[in-house]
C-alpha atoms as a PDB file:
ATOM      1  CA  UNK A   1     -14.114  -7.124 -10.438  1.00  0.00           C
ATOM      2  CA  UNK A   2     -15.989  -4.454 -10.364  1.00  0.00           C
ATOM      3  CA  UNK A   3     -14.359  -2.292  -7.454  1.00  0.00           C
ATOM      4  CA  UNK A   4     -13.260  -1.830  -3.774  1.00  0.00           C
ATOM      5  CA  UNK A   5     -13.546  -0.806  -0.441  1.00  0.00           C
ATOM      6  CA  UNK A   6     -10.302   0.800   1.585  1.00  0.00           C
ATOM      7  CA  UNK A   7      -8.243   2.926  -0.164  1.00  0.00           C
ATOM      8  CA  UNK A   8      -6.752   2.021  -3.526  1.00  0.00           C
ATOM      9  CA  UNK A   9      -3.350   1.744  -2.361  1.00  0.00           C
ATOM     10  CA  UNK A  10      -4.711  -0.450   1.151  1.00  0.00           C
ATOM     11  CA  UNK A  11      -8.091  -2.693  -0.018  1.00  0.00           C
ATOM     12  CA  UNK A  12     -10.009  -4.098   1.971  1.00  0.00           C
ATOM     13  CA  UNK A  13     -12.314  -5.837  -0.081  1.00  0.00           C
ATOM     14  CA  UNK A  14     -13.084  -6.473  -3.595  1.00  0.00           C
ATOM     15  CA  UNK A  15     -16.203  -5.952  -5.441  1.00  0.00           C
ATOM     16  CA  UNK A  16     -17.089  -8.923  -8.064  1.00  0.00           C
ATOM     17  CA  UNK A  17     -19.661  -9.716 -10.543  1.00  0.00           C
ATOM     18  CA  UNK A  18     -20.430 -13.487 -10.545  1.00  0.00           C
ATOM     19  CA  UNK A  19     -20.613 -15.304 -13.023  1.00  0.00           C
ATOM     20  CA  UNK A  20     -24.482 -15.547 -12.532  1.00  0.00           C
ATOM     21  CA  UNK A  21     -24.385 -11.795 -13.112  1.00  0.00           C
ATOM     22  CA  UNK A  22     -24.744 -10.907  -9.056  1.00  0.00           C
ATOM     23  CA  UNK A  23     -22.760  -8.273  -7.375  1.00  0.00           C
ATOM     24  CA  UNK A  24     -21.101  -8.869  -3.980  1.00  0.00           C
ATOM     25  CA  UNK A  25     -18.328  -7.931  -1.871  1.00  0.00           C
ATOM     26  CA  UNK A  26     -15.584 -10.690  -0.563  1.00  0.00           C
ATOM     27  CA  UNK A  27     -14.683 -11.020   2.468  1.00  0.00           C
ATOM     28  CA  UNK A  28     -11.564  -9.236   3.839  1.00  0.00           C
ATOM     29  CA  UNK A  29      -8.397  -9.705   1.728  1.00  0.00           C
ATOM     30  CA  UNK A  30      -5.528 -10.959   3.287  1.00  0.00           C
ATOM     31  CA  UNK A  31      -2.522  -8.735   3.077  1.00  0.00           C
ATOM     32  CA  UNK A  32      -0.763 -10.813   0.653  1.00  0.00           C
ATOM     33  CA  UNK A  33      -3.674 -10.179  -1.749  1.00  0.00           C
ATOM     34  CA  UNK A  34      -4.115  -7.097  -0.893  1.00  0.00           C
ATOM     35  CA  UNK A  35      -0.629  -6.022  -1.750  1.00  0.00           C
ATOM     36  CA  UNK A  36      -0.898  -8.221  -5.688  1.00  0.00           C
ATOM     37  CA  UNK A  37      -3.728  -6.688  -5.876  1.00  0.00           C
ATOM     38  CA  UNK A  38      -3.158  -2.217  -5.369  1.00  0.00           C
ATOM     39  CA  UNK A  39      -0.563  -2.097  -7.973  1.00  0.00           C
ATOM     40  CA  UNK A  40      -3.650  -2.882 -10.478  1.00  0.00           C
ATOM     41  CA  UNK A  41      -6.328  -0.817  -8.903  1.00  0.00           C
ATOM     42  CA  UNK A  42      -7.964   2.535 -11.237  1.00  0.00           C
ATOM     43  CA  UNK A  43     -10.396   4.060  -8.924  1.00  0.00           C
ATOM     44  CA  UNK A  44     -13.223   5.760 -10.815  1.00  0.00           C
ATOM     45  CA  UNK A  45     -14.798   8.657  -9.459  1.00  0.00           C
ATOM     46  CA  UNK A  46     -17.885   8.504  -7.004  1.00  0.00           C
ATOM     47  CA  UNK A  47     -19.395   5.809  -5.249  1.00  0.00           C
ATOM     48  CA  UNK A  48     -20.848   2.410  -6.294  1.00  0.00           C
ATOM     49  CA  UNK A  49     -23.361  -0.022  -4.209  1.00  0.00           C
ATOM     50  CA  UNK A  50     -24.045  -3.188  -4.453  1.00  0.00           C
ATOM     51  CA  UNK A  51     -27.934  -4.579  -4.172  1.00  0.00           C
ATOM     52  CA  UNK A  52     -27.793  -4.940  -0.663  1.00  0.00           C
ATOM     53  CA  UNK A  53     -26.766  -1.489   0.064  1.00  0.00           C
ATOM     54  CA  UNK A  54     -22.750  -1.700   0.574  1.00  0.00           C
ATOM     55  CA  UNK A  55     -20.857   1.076  -1.018  1.00  0.00           C
ATOM     56  CA  UNK A  56     -17.698   0.541  -2.620  1.00  0.00           C
ATOM     57  CA  UNK A  57     -14.925   2.406  -4.683  1.00  0.00           C
ATOM     58  CA  UNK A  58     -15.779   1.751  -8.317  1.00  0.00           C
ATOM     59  CA  UNK A  59     -12.419   0.475 -10.416  1.00  0.00           C
ATOM     60  CA  UNK A  60     -11.228  -0.636 -13.581  1.00  0.00           C
ATOM     61  CA  UNK A  61      -7.877  -2.618 -14.584  1.00  0.00           C
ATOM     62  CA  UNK A  62      -7.137  -6.101 -15.820  1.00  0.00           C
ATOM     63  CA  UNK A  63      -7.931  -7.364 -12.473  1.00  0.00           C
ATOM     64  CA  UNK A  64      -9.528 -10.759 -12.653  1.00  0.00           C
ATOM     65  CA  UNK A  65      -9.815 -12.681  -9.422  1.00  0.00           C
ATOM     66  CA  UNK A  66     -10.806 -16.110  -8.433  1.00  0.00           C
ATOM     67  CA  UNK A  67     -13.541 -16.272  -5.982  1.00  0.00           C
ATOM     68  CA  UNK A  68     -15.337 -19.187  -3.760  1.00  0.00           C
ATOM     69  CA  UNK A  69     -18.784 -17.903  -3.490  1.00  0.00           C
ATOM     70  CA  UNK A  70     -21.323 -19.984  -1.132  1.00  0.00           C
ATOM     71  CA  UNK A  71     -24.826 -20.444  -2.276  1.00  0.00           C
ATOM     72  CA  UNK A  72     -26.521 -19.680   0.213  1.00  0.00           C
ATOM     73  CA  UNK A  73     -28.941 -16.190   0.460  1.00  0.00           C
ATOM     74  CA  UNK A  74     -26.115 -14.466   1.499  1.00  0.00           C
ATOM     75  CA  UNK A  75     -23.180 -16.279   0.016  1.00  0.00           C
ATOM     76  CA  UNK A  76     -20.116 -15.611   1.651  1.00  0.00           C
ATOM     77  CA  UNK A  77     -17.870 -14.465  -1.214  1.00  0.00           C
ATOM     78  CA  UNK A  78     -13.935 -15.011  -0.462  1.00  0.00           C
ATOM     79  CA  UNK A  79     -11.526 -14.215  -2.866  1.00  0.00           C
ATOM     80  CA  UNK A  80      -8.719 -16.745  -3.530  1.00  0.00           C
ATOM     81  CA  UNK A  81      -6.510 -15.614  -5.828  1.00  0.00           C
ATOM     82  CA  UNK A  82      -5.666 -12.942  -8.187  1.00  0.00           C
ATOM     83  CA  UNK A  83      -5.621 -14.371 -12.386  1.00  0.00           C
END
């Protein structure tokens, strides 16, 4: 996880770095996942952007998430659980 959208207290989606090096925004987080991830987020100043131009707040911390990523050009990334 490299960032998030929404607020640090209530993240809506996560910016993730996939194993192949691509960065992507996930689908909207479920309420349970959002509440588990939020306490671990350490927001950084400024904004960052995915290759597609989507903006997010960069973050650091010990958040590693498991995702399911589609393989098409506009692959959908869904956060499954916190690792």
